[in-house]
Amino acid sequence: QQRRPVHRFYQALQQGDYDTLTGMFHPDFVFYPQIDSPRPGAAGFI
């Protein structure tokens, strides 16, 4: 069940569907494109 959202995540990213991606994120979401560079929130990821 945990793996399915990861597959859906990459499908949405491939399609450039940022609204779907944003809906998958928790309010506390943080993206780390590298080990020491946090980008908080959906806007940081996008």
All heavy atoms as atom14 arrays in JSON, in Angstrom:
{
  "sequence": "QQRRPVHRFYQALQQGDYDTLTGMFHPDFVFYPQIDSPRPGAAGFI",
  "atom14_mask": [
    [1, 1, 1, 1, 1, 1, 1, 1, 1, 0, 0, 0, 0, 0],
    [1, 1, 1, 1, 1, 1, 1, 1, 1, 0, 0, 0, 0, 0],
    [1, 1, 1, 1, 1, 1, 1, 1, 1, 1, 1, 0, 0, 0],
    [1, 1, 1, 1, 1, 1, 1, 1, 1, 1, 1, 0, 0, 0],
    [1, 1, 1, 1, 1, 1, 1, 0, 0, 0, 0, 0, 0, 0],
    [1, 1, 1, 1, 1, 1, 1, 0, 0, 0, 0, 0, 0, 0],
    [1, 1, 1, 1, 1, 1, 1, 1, 1, 1, 0, 0, 0, 0],
    [1, 1, 1, 1, 1, 1, 1, 1, 1, 1, 1, 0, 0, 0],
    [1, 1, 1, 1, 1, 1, 1, 1, 1, 1, 1, 0, 0, 0],
    [1, 1, 1, 1, 1, 1, 1, 1, 1, 1, 1, 1, 0, 0],
    [1, 1, 1, 1, 1, 1, 1, 1, 1, 0, 0, 0, 0, 0],
    [1, 1, 1, 1, 1, 0, 0, 0, 0, 0, 0, 0, 0, 0],
    [1, 1, 1, 1, 1, 1, 1, 1, 0, 0, 0, 0, 0, 0],
    [1, 1, 1, 1, 1, 1, 1, 1, 1, 0, 0, 0, 0, 0],
    [1, 1, 1, 1, 1, 1, 1, 1, 1, 0, 0, 0, 0, 0],
    [1, 1, 1, 1, 0, 0, 0, 0, 0, 0, 0, 0, 0, 0],
    [1, 1, 1, 1, 1, 1, 1, 1, 0, 0, 0, 0, 0, 0],
    [1, 1, 1, 1, 1, 1, 1, 1, 1, 1, 1, 1, 0, 0],
    [1, 1, 1, 1, 1, 1, 1, 1, 0, 0, 0, 0, 0, 0],
    [1, 1, 1, 1, 1, 1, 1, 0, 0, 0, 0, 0, 0, 0],
    [1, 1, 1, 1, 1, 1, 1, 1, 0, 0, 0, 0, 0, 0],
    [1, 1, 1, 1, 1, 1, 1, 0, 0, 0, 0, 0, 0, 0],
    [1, 1, 1, 1, 0, 0, 0, 0, 0, 0, 0, 0, 0, 0],
    [1, 1, 1, 1, 1, 1, 1, 1, 0, 0, 0, 0, 0, 0],
    [1, 1, 1, 1, 1, 1, 1, 1, 1, 1, 1, 0, 0, 0],
    [1, 1, 1, 1, 1, 1, 1, 1, 1, 1, 0, 0, 0, 0],
    [1, 1, 1, 1, 1, 1, 1, 0, 0, 0, 0, 0, 0, 0],
    [1, 1, 1, 1, 1, 1, 1, 1, 0, 0, 0, 0, 0, 0],
    [1, 1, 1, 1, 1, 1, 1, 1, 1, 1, 1, 0, 0, 0],
    [1, 1, 1, 1, 1, 1, 1, 0, 0, 0, 0, 0, 0, 0],
    [1, 1, 1, 1, 1, 1, 1, 1, 1, 1, 1, 0, 0, 0],
    [1, 1, 1, 1, 1, 1, 1, 1, 1, 1, 1, 1, 0, 0],
    [1, 1, 1, 1, 1, 1, 1, 0, 0, 0, 0, 0, 0, 0],
    [1, 1, 1, 1, 1, 1, 1, 1, 1, 0, 0, 0, 0, 0],
    [1, 1, 1, 1, 1, 1, 1, 1, 0, 0, 0, 0, 0, 0],
    [1, 1, 1, 1, 1, 1, 1, 1, 0, 0, 0, 0, 0, 0],
    [1, 1, 1, 1, 1, 1, 0, 0, 0, 0, 0, 0, 0, 0],
    [1, 1, 1, 1, 1, 1, 1, 0, 0, 0, 0, 0, 0, 0],
    [1, 1, 1, 1, 1, 1, 1, 1, 1, 1, 1, 0, 0, 0],
    [1, 1, 1, 1, 1, 1, 1, 0, 0, 0, 0, 0, 0, 0],
    [1, 1, 1, 1, 0, 0, 0, 0, 0, 0, 0, 0, 0, 0],
    [1, 1, 1, 1, 1, 0, 0, 0, 0, 0, 0, 0, 0, 0],
    [1, 1, 1, 1, 1, 0, 0, 0, 0, 0, 0, 0, 0, 0],
    [1, 1, 1, 1, 0, 0, 0, 0, 0, 0, 0, 0, 0, 0],
    [1, 1, 1, 1, 1, 1, 1, 1, 1, 1, 1, 0, 0, 0],
    [1, 1, 1, 1, 1, 1, 1, 1, 0, 0, 0, 0, 0, 0]
  ],
  "atom14_positions": [
    [[0.83, -1.2, 0.0], [0.0, 0.0, 0.0], [0.86, 1.25, 0.0], [0.49, 2.26, -0.58], [-0.95, 0.0, 1.2], [-2.05, -1.03, 1.07], [-2.87, -1.17, 2.32], [-2.52, -0.68, 3.38], [-4.0, -1.86, 2.2], [0.0, 0.0, 0.0], [0.0, 0.0, 0.0], [0.0, 0.0, 0.0], [0.0, 0.0, 0.0], [0.0, 0.0, 0.0]],
    [[2.01, 1.23, 0.63], [2.9, 2.39, 0.64], [3.59, 2.58, -0.7], [3.92, 3.7, -1.06], [3.98, 2.22, 1.72], [3.46, 2.34, 3.11], [4.58, 2.11, 4.09], [5.41, 1.22, 3.91], [4.6, 2.9, 5.14], [0.0, 0.0, 0.0], [0.0, 0.0, 0.0], [0.0, 0.0, 0.0], [0.0, 0.0, 0.0], [0.0, 0.0, 0.0]],
    [[3.8, 1.52, -1.44], [4.5, 1.63, -2.72], [3.63, 2.26, -3.79], [4.13, 2.96, -4.66], [4.97, 0.25, -3.17], [6.03, -0.31, -2.26], [6.38, -1.71, -2.62], [7.23, -2.27, -1.58], [7.91, -3.36, -1.7], [7.86, -4.05, -2.82], [8.66, -3.81, -0.73], [0.0, 0.0, 0.0], [0.0, 0.0, 0.0], [0.0, 0.0, 0.0]],
    [[2.34, 2.03, -3.75], [1.45, 2.57, -4.78], [1.53, 4.09, -4.89], [1.61, 4.61, -6.01], [0.01, 2.12, -4.53], [-0.23, 0.7, -4.97], [-1.71, 0.34, -4.87], [-1.78, -1.03, -4.45], [-2.34, -1.47, -3.34], [-2.96, -0.65, -2.54], [-2.32, -2.75, -3.05], [0.0, 0.0, 0.0], [0.0, 0.0, 0.0], [0.0, 0.0, 0.0]],
    [[1.49, 4.84, -3.78], [1.59, 6.29, -3.92], [2.91, 6.75, -4.54], [2.95, 7.77, -5.23], [1.47, 6.81, -2.47], [0.79, 5.72, -1.73], [1.19, 4.44, -2.4], [0.0, 0.0, 0.0], [0.0, 0.0, 0.0], [0.0, 0.0, 0.0], [0.0, 0.0, 0.0], [0.0, 0.0, 0.0], [0.0, 0.0, 0.0], [0.0, 0.0, 0.0]],
    [[3.98, 6.0, -4.35], [5.26, 6.37, -4.95], [5.17, 6.22, -6.47], [5.63, 7.08, -7.22], [6.42, 5.54, -4.35], [7.71, 5.77, -5.12], [6.6, 5.88, -2.88], [0.0, 0.0, 0.0], [0.0, 0.0, 0.0], [0.0, 0.0, 0.0], [0.0, 0.0, 0.0], [0.0, 0.0, 0.0], [0.0, 0.0, 0.0], [0.0, 0.0, 0.0]],
    [[4.56, 5.16, -6.95], [4.36, 4.99, -8.39], [3.47, 6.11, -8.94], [3.77, 6.69, -9.99], [3.76, 3.62, -8.71], [4.73, 2.5, -8.61], [5.48, 2.07, -9.67], [5.11, 1.74, -7.55], [6.27, 1.08, -9.29], [6.07, 0.87, -8.0], [0.0, 0.0, 0.0], [0.0, 0.0, 0.0], [0.0, 0.0, 0.0], [0.0, 0.0, 0.0]],
    [[2.38, 6.44, -8.24], [1.5, 7.53, -8.67], [2.23, 8.87, -8.65], [2.03, 9.72, -9.52], [0.26, 7.61, -7.78], [-0.75, 6.51, -8.08], [-2.1, 6.79, -7.47], [-2.07, 7.06, -6.04], [-2.21, 6.14, -5.08], [-2.4, 4.89, -5.4], [-2.18, 6.49, -3.82], [0.0, 0.0, 0.0], [0.0, 0.0, 0.0], [0.0, 0.0, 0.0]],
    [[3.1, 9.05, -7.66], [3.9, 10.27, -7.56], [4.74, 10.46, -8.83], [4.73, 11.53, -9.44], [4.81, 10.19, -6.33], [5.79, 11.3, -6.23], [5.45, 12.48, -5.59], [7.06, 11.18, -6.77], [6.35, 13.53, -5.5], [7.96, 12.21, -6.69], [7.61, 13.39, -6.04], [0.0, 0.0, 0.0], [0.0, 0.0, 0.0], [0.0, 0.0, 0.0]],
    [[5.45, 9.42, -9.25], [6.31, 9.55, -10.44], [5.5, 9.67, -11.73], [5.93, 10.34, -12.66], [7.33, 8.41, -10.5], [8.48, 8.7, -9.58], [8.62, 8.05, -8.37], [9.41, 9.69, -9.9], [9.65, 8.36, -7.5], [10.44, 10.01, -9.05], [10.56, 9.34, -7.85], [11.58, 9.67, -6.99], [0.0, 0.0, 0.0], [0.0, 0.0, 0.0]],
    [[4.32, 9.08, -11.78], [3.46, 9.27, -12.95], [3.02, 10.73, -13.05], [3.05, 11.32, -14.13], [2.23, 8.36, -12.86], [2.54, 6.9, -13.09], [1.35, 6.0, -12.78], [0.36, 6.42, -12.19], [1.46, 4.74, -13.17], [0.0, 0.0, 0.0], [0.0, 0.0, 0.0], [0.0, 0.0, 0.0], [0.0, 0.0, 0.0], [0.0, 0.0, 0.0]],
    [[2.61, 11.3, -11.93], [2.18, 12.71, -11.92], [3.35, 13.64, -12.27], [3.18, 14.6, -13.03], [1.58, 13.08, -10.56], [0.0, 0.0, 0.0], [0.0, 0.0, 0.0], [0.0, 0.0, 0.0], [0.0, 0.0, 0.0], [0.0, 0.0, 0.0], [0.0, 0.0, 0.0], [0.0, 0.0, 0.0], [0.0, 0.0, 0.0], [0.0, 0.0, 0.0]],
    [[4.53, 13.36, -11.75], [5.7, 14.19, -12.06], [6.03, 14.1, -13.55], [6.3, 15.11, -14.19], [6.9, 13.76, -11.2], [8.17, 14.58, -11.36], [7.92, 16.06, -11.06], [9.27, 14.03, -10.46], [0.0, 0.0, 0.0], [0.0, 0.0, 0.0], [0.0, 0.0, 0.0], [0.0, 0.0, 0.0], [0.0, 0.0, 0.0], [0.0, 0.0, 0.0]],
    [[5.99, 12.9, -14.1], [6.27, 12.72, -15.53], [5.3, 13.53, -16.38], [5.67, 14.08, -17.41], [6.17, 11.24, -15.88], [6.4, 10.94, -17.35], [6.43, 9.45, -17.63], [7.25, 8.75, -17.08], [5.53, 8.98, -18.47], [0.0, 0.0, 0.0], [0.0, 0.0, 0.0], [0.0, 0.0, 0.0], [0.0, 0.0, 0.0], [0.0, 0.0, 0.0]],
    [[4.06, 13.61, -15.95], [3.04, 14.34, -16.69], [3.04, 15.84, -16.38], [2.28, 16.59, -16.99], [1.66, 13.76, -16.38], [1.51, 12.33, -16.85], [0.29, 11.63, -16.26], [-0.41, 12.17, -15.42], [0.06, 10.41, -16.69], [0.0, 0.0, 0.0], [0.0, 0.0, 0.0], [0.0, 0.0, 0.0], [0.0, 0.0, 0.0], [0.0, 0.0, 0.0]],
    [[3.88, 16.26, -15.44], [3.89, 17.66, -15.04], [2.62, 18.07, -14.32], [2.23, 19.23, -14.34], [0.0, 0.0, 0.0], [0.0, 0.0, 0.0], [0.0, 0.0, 0.0], [0.0, 0.0, 0.0], [0.0, 0.0, 0.0], [0.0, 0.0, 0.0], [0.0, 0.0, 0.0], [0.0, 0.0, 0.0], [0.0, 0.0, 0.0], [0.0, 0.0, 0.0]],
    [[1.99, 17.12, -13.65], [0.74, 17.36, -12.94], [1.05, 17.79, -11.5], [0.95, 17.0, -10.56], [-0.12, 16.09, -12.97], [-1.5, 16.29, -12.37], [-1.78, 17.37, -11.8], [-2.3, 15.34, -12.47], [0.0, 0.0, 0.0], [0.0, 0.0, 0.0], [0.0, 0.0, 0.0], [0.0, 0.0, 0.0], [0.0, 0.0, 0.0], [0.0, 0.0, 0.0]],
    [[1.4, 19.05, -11.34], [1.82, 19.56, -10.04], [0.66, 19.7, -9.06], [0.88, 19.66, -7.85], [2.57, 20.88, -10.22], [3.83, 20.69, -11.04], [3.93, 21.17, -12.33], [4.91, 19.99, -10.52], [5.08, 20.97, -13.09], [6.06, 19.77, -11.26], [6.13, 20.27, -12.55], [7.27, 20.06, -13.3], [0.0, 0.0, 0.0], [0.0, 0.0, 0.0]],
    [[-0.56, 19.83, -9.54], [-1.71, 19.88, -8.64], [-1.88, 18.54, -7.93], [-2.13, 18.49, -6.73], [-2.99, 20.24, -9.4], [-3.01, 21.69, -9.86], [-2.3, 22.53, -9.24], [-3.72, 21.99, -10.83], [0.0, 0.0, 0.0], [0.0, 0.0, 0.0], [0.0, 0.0, 0.0], [0.0, 0.0, 0.0], [0.0, 0.0, 0.0], [0.0, 0.0, 0.0]],
    [[-1.77, 17.44, -8.69], [-1.87, 16.11, -8.08], [-0.74, 15.91, -7.09], [-0.96, 15.42, -5.97], [-1.83, 15.01, -9.16], [-3.02, 15.14, -9.96], [-1.78, 13.62, -8.56], [0.0, 0.0, 0.0], [0.0, 0.0, 0.0], [0.0, 0.0, 0.0], [0.0, 0.0, 0.0], [0.0, 0.0, 0.0], [0.0, 0.0, 0.0], [0.0, 0.0, 0.0]],
    [[0.47, 16.3, -7.46], [1.61, 16.16, -6.55], [1.37, 16.95, -5.27], [1.59, 16.43, -4.17], [2.89, 16.63, -7.22], [3.4, 15.75, -8.34], [4.51, 16.45, -9.11], [3.88, 14.42, -7.81], [0.0, 0.0, 0.0], [0.0, 0.0, 0.0], [0.0, 0.0, 0.0], [0.0, 0.0, 0.0], [0.0, 0.0, 0.0], [0.0, 0.0, 0.0]],
    [[0.93, 18.18, -5.39], [0.68, 19.01, -4.22], [-0.32, 18.34, -3.29], [-0.16, 18.37, -2.06], [0.19, 20.4, -4.64], [1.23, 21.02, -5.42], [-0.11, 21.29, -3.44], [0.0, 0.0, 0.0], [0.0, 0.0, 0.0], [0.0, 0.0, 0.0], [0.0, 0.0, 0.0], [0.0, 0.0, 0.0], [0.0, 0.0, 0.0], [0.0, 0.0, 0.0]],
    [[-1.32, 17.71, -3.85], [-2.32, 17.01, -3.05], [-1.78, 15.78, -2.33], [-2.38, 15.3, -1.38], [0.0, 0.0, 0.0], [0.0, 0.0, 0.0], [0.0, 0.0, 0.0], [0.0, 0.0, 0.0], [0.0, 0.0, 0.0], [0.0, 0.0, 0.0], [0.0, 0.0, 0.0], [0.0, 0.0, 0.0], [0.0, 0.0, 0.0], [0.0, 0.0, 0.0]],
    [[-0.64, 15.28, -2.77], [-0.02, 14.11, -2.14], [0.85, 14.49, -0.94], [1.23, 13.63, -0.16], [0.81, 13.34, -3.16], [0.01, 12.77, -4.31], [1.03, 11.94, -5.54], [1.24, 10.34, -4.73], [0.0, 0.0, 0.0], [0.0, 0.0, 0.0], [0.0, 0.0, 0.0], [0.0, 0.0, 0.0], [0.0, 0.0, 0.0], [0.0, 0.0, 0.0]],
    [[1.15, 15.79, -0.81], [2.07, 16.24, 0.23], [1.37, 16.55, 1.55], [0.31, 17.18, 1.57], [2.83, 17.49, -0.23], [3.72, 17.29, -1.41], [3.87, 18.28, -2.35], [4.41, 16.11, -1.6], [4.7, 18.11, -3.46], [5.24, 15.91, -2.69], [5.38, 16.92, -3.62], [0.0, 0.0, 0.0], [0.0, 0.0, 0.0], [0.0, 0.0, 0.0]],
    [[1.99, 16.18, 2.63], [1.56, 16.51, 3.98], [1.86, 18.0, 4.21], [2.8, 18.53, 3.6], [2.35, 15.64, 4.97], [1.89, 15.75, 6.37], [2.3, 16.75, 7.21], [1.03, 14.96, 7.08], [1.73, 16.58, 8.39], [0.95, 15.5, 8.33], [0.0, 0.0, 0.0], [0.0, 0.0, 0.0], [0.0, 0.0, 0.0], [0.0, 0.0, 0.0]],
    [[1.12, 18.7, 5.05], [1.42, 20.12, 5.32], [2.85, 20.36, 5.79], [3.4, 21.45, 5.57], [0.41, 20.5, 6.41], [-0.71, 19.54, 6.24], [-0.1, 18.26, 5.74], [0.0, 0.0, 0.0], [0.0, 0.0, 0.0], [0.0, 0.0, 0.0], [0.0, 0.0, 0.0], [0.0, 0.0, 0.0], [0.0, 0.0, 0.0], [0.0, 0.0, 0.0]],
    [[3.49, 19.37, 6.4], [4.87, 19.51, 6.89], [5.91, 19.06, 5.86], [7.08, 18.88, 6.19], [5.07, 18.69, 8.17], [4.16, 19.14, 9.3], [3.79, 20.33, 9.32], [3.82, 18.29, 10.15], [0.0, 0.0, 0.0], [0.0, 0.0, 0.0], [0.0, 0.0, 0.0], [0.0, 0.0, 0.0], [0.0, 0.0, 0.0], [0.0, 0.0, 0.0]],
    [[5.52, 18.87, 4.62], [6.39, 18.31, 3.59], [7.69, 19.12, 3.42], [7.68, 20.35, 3.38], [5.67, 18.27, 2.25], [6.55, 17.83, 1.1], [6.92, 16.51, 0.97], [7.04, 18.75, 0.2], [7.75, 16.11, -0.09], [7.86, 18.37, -0.85], [8.21, 17.04, -0.99], [0.0, 0.0, 0.0], [0.0, 0.0, 0.0], [0.0, 0.0, 0.0]],
    [[8.81, 18.38, 3.3], [10.12, 18.95, 3.0], [10.77, 18.09, 1.93], [10.76, 16.86, 2.01], [11.03, 19.01, 4.25], [12.41, 19.56, 3.9], [10.39, 19.82, 5.36], [0.0, 0.0, 0.0], [0.0, 0.0, 0.0], [0.0, 0.0, 0.0], [0.0, 0.0, 0.0], [0.0, 0.0, 0.0], [0.0, 0.0, 0.0], [0.0, 0.0, 0.0]],
    [[11.35, 18.75, 0.93], [12.07, 18.07, -0.15], [13.56, 18.35, 0.02], [13.97, 19.49, 0.24], [11.59, 18.6, -1.5], [12.37, 18.11, -2.68], [12.6, 16.76, -2.89], [12.88, 19.0, -3.61], [13.32, 16.31, -3.99], [13.6, 18.56, -4.71], [13.82, 17.22, -4.9], [0.0, 0.0, 0.0], [0.0, 0.0, 0.0], [0.0, 0.0, 0.0]],
    [[14.36, 17.29, -0.08], [15.81, 17.4, -0.03], [16.37, 16.95, -1.38], [16.54, 15.75, -1.6], [16.39, 16.51, 1.07], [16.08, 16.97, 2.47], [14.89, 16.63, 3.09], [16.99, 17.76, 3.15], [14.61, 17.05, 4.38], [16.73, 18.18, 4.44], [15.53, 17.82, 5.04], [15.26, 18.25, 6.32], [0.0, 0.0, 0.0], [0.0, 0.0, 0.0]],
    [[16.65, 17.88, -2.31], [17.22, 17.47, -3.59], [18.66, 16.99, -3.42], [19.16, 16.25, -4.26], [17.15, 18.72, -4.45], [17.05, 19.85, -3.49], [16.39, 19.3, -2.26], [0.0, 0.0, 0.0], [0.0, 0.0, 0.0], [0.0, 0.0, 0.0], [0.0, 0.0, 0.0], [0.0, 0.0, 0.0], [0.0, 0.0, 0.0], [0.0, 0.0, 0.0]],
    [[19.3, 17.4, -2.37], [20.61, 16.89, -1.98], [20.58, 16.77, -0.46], [19.65, 17.27, 0.19], [21.74, 17.81, -2.46], [21.84, 17.89, -3.98], [22.18, 16.56, -4.65], [22.8, 15.7, -4.06], [21.75, 16.4, -5.89], [0.0, 0.0, 0.0], [0.0, 0.0, 0.0], [0.0, 0.0, 0.0], [0.0, 0.0, 0.0], [0.0, 0.0, 0.0]],
    [[21.58, 16.2, 0.11], [21.53, 15.83, 1.52], [21.35, 17.02, 2.48], [20.71, 16.89, 3.51], [22.77, 14.99, 1.91], [22.5, 14.22, 3.19], [24.01, 15.85, 2.0], [23.44, 13.08, 3.43], [0.0, 0.0, 0.0], [0.0, 0.0, 0.0], [0.0, 0.0, 0.0], [0.0, 0.0, 0.0], [0.0, 0.0, 0.0], [0.0, 0.0, 0.0]],
    [[21.86, 18.17, 2.14], [21.84, 19.3, 3.08], [21.13, 20.53, 2.53], [21.45, 21.65, 2.91], [23.27, 19.66, 3.48], [24.12, 20.09, 2.3], [23.65, 19.95, 1.16], [25.24, 20.57, 2.52], [0.0, 0.0, 0.0], [0.0, 0.0, 0.0], [0.0, 0.0, 0.0], [0.0, 0.0, 0.0], [0.0, 0.0, 0.0], [0.0, 0.0, 0.0]],
    [[20.18, 20.35, 1.65], [19.5, 21.5, 1.05], [17.98, 21.35, 1.11], [17.34, 21.09, 0.1], [19.97, 21.69, -0.39], [19.76, 20.49, -1.13], [0.0, 0.0, 0.0], [0.0, 0.0, 0.0], [0.0, 0.0, 0.0], [0.0, 0.0, 0.0], [0.0, 0.0, 0.0], [0.0, 0.0, 0.0], [0.0, 0.0, 0.0], [0.0, 0.0, 0.0]],
    [[17.4, 21.51, 2.31], [15.95, 21.33, 2.44], [15.17, 22.42, 1.71], [15.55, 23.58, 1.69], [15.71, 21.41, 3.95], [16.85, 22.21, 4.48], [18.02, 21.9, 3.58], [0.0, 0.0, 0.0], [0.0, 0.0, 0.0], [0.0, 0.0, 0.0], [0.0, 0.0, 0.0], [0.0, 0.0, 0.0], [0.0, 0.0, 0.0], [0.0, 0.0, 0.0]],
    [[14.09, 22.0, 1.07], [13.15, 22.92, 0.41], [11.77, 22.61, 0.97], [11.14, 21.65, 0.55], [13.17, 22.73, -1.1], [14.49, 23.16, -1.72], [14.44, 22.89, -3.21], [15.67, 23.34, -3.84], [15.72, 24.32, -4.73], [14.63, 24.95, -5.1], [16.87, 24.68, -5.25], [0.0, 0.0, 0.0], [0.0, 0.0, 0.0], [0.0, 0.0, 0.0]],
    [[11.3, 23.43, 1.91], [10.01, 23.13, 2.53], [8.83, 23.44, 1.62], [8.88, 24.35, 0.8], [9.99, 24.03, 3.77], [11.03, 25.07, 3.54], [11.99, 24.54, 2.52], [0.0, 0.0, 0.0], [0.0, 0.0, 0.0], [0.0, 0.0, 0.0], [0.0, 0.0, 0.0], [0.0, 0.0, 0.0], [0.0, 0.0, 0.0], [0.0, 0.0, 0.0]],
    [[7.79, 22.63, 1.78], [6.53, 22.85, 1.09], [6.52, 22.42, -0.37], [7.56, 22.18, -0.98], [0.0, 0.0, 0.0], [0.0, 0.0, 0.0], [0.0, 0.0, 0.0], [0.0, 0.0, 0.0], [0.0, 0.0, 0.0], [0.0, 0.0, 0.0], [0.0, 0.0, 0.0], [0.0, 0.0, 0.0], [0.0, 0.0, 0.0], [0.0, 0.0, 0.0]],
    [[5.32, 22.35, -0.91], [5.13, 21.95, -2.3], [5.84, 22.91, -3.25], [6.43, 22.5, -4.24], [3.65, 21.87, -2.63], [0.0, 0.0, 0.0], [0.0, 0.0, 0.0], [0.0, 0.0, 0.0], [0.0, 0.0, 0.0], [0.0, 0.0, 0.0], [0.0, 0.0, 0.0], [0.0, 0.0, 0.0], [0.0, 0.0, 0.0], [0.0, 0.0, 0.0]],
    [[5.8, 24.21, -2.94], [6.44, 25.21, -3.81], [7.94, 24.97, -3.93], [8.51, 25.12, -5.01], [6.16, 26.62, -3.3], [0.0, 0.0, 0.0], [0.0, 0.0, 0.0], [0.0, 0.0, 0.0], [0.0, 0.0, 0.0], [0.0, 0.0, 0.0], [0.0, 0.0, 0.0], [0.0, 0.0, 0.0], [0.0, 0.0, 0.0], [0.0, 0.0, 0.0]],
    [[8.59, 24.59, -2.85], [10.02, 24.29, -2.9], [10.33, 23.11, -3.79], [11.3, 23.11, -4.54], [0.0, 0.0, 0.0], [0.0, 0.0, 0.0], [0.0, 0.0, 0.0], [0.0, 0.0, 0.0], [0.0, 0.0, 0.0], [0.0, 0.0, 0.0], [0.0, 0.0, 0.0], [0.0, 0.0, 0.0], [0.0, 0.0, 0.0], [0.0, 0.0, 0.0]],
    [[9.48, 22.09, -3.71], [9.65, 20.91, -4.56], [9.42, 21.27, -6.03], [10.23, 20.94, -6.89], [8.69, 19.8, -4.13], [8.67, 18.65, -5.09], [9.67, 17.7, -5.05], [7.68, 18.53, -6.04], [9.68, 16.64, -5.94], [7.66, 17.48, -6.92], [8.66, 16.53, -6.88], [0.0, 0.0, 0.0], [0.0, 0.0, 0.0], [0.0, 0.0, 0.0]],
    [[8.31, 21.93, -6.3], [7.95, 22.25, -7.68], [9.0, 23.14, -8.32], [9.41, 22.91, -9.47], [6.55, 22.88, -7.74], [5.51, 21.81, -7.38], [6.26, 23.47, -9.12], [4.12, 22.36, -7.1], [0.0, 0.0, 0.0], [0.0, 0.0, 0.0], [0.0, 0.0, 0.0], [0.0, 0.0, 0.0], [0.0, 0.0, 0.0], [0.0, 0.0, 0.0]]
  ]
}
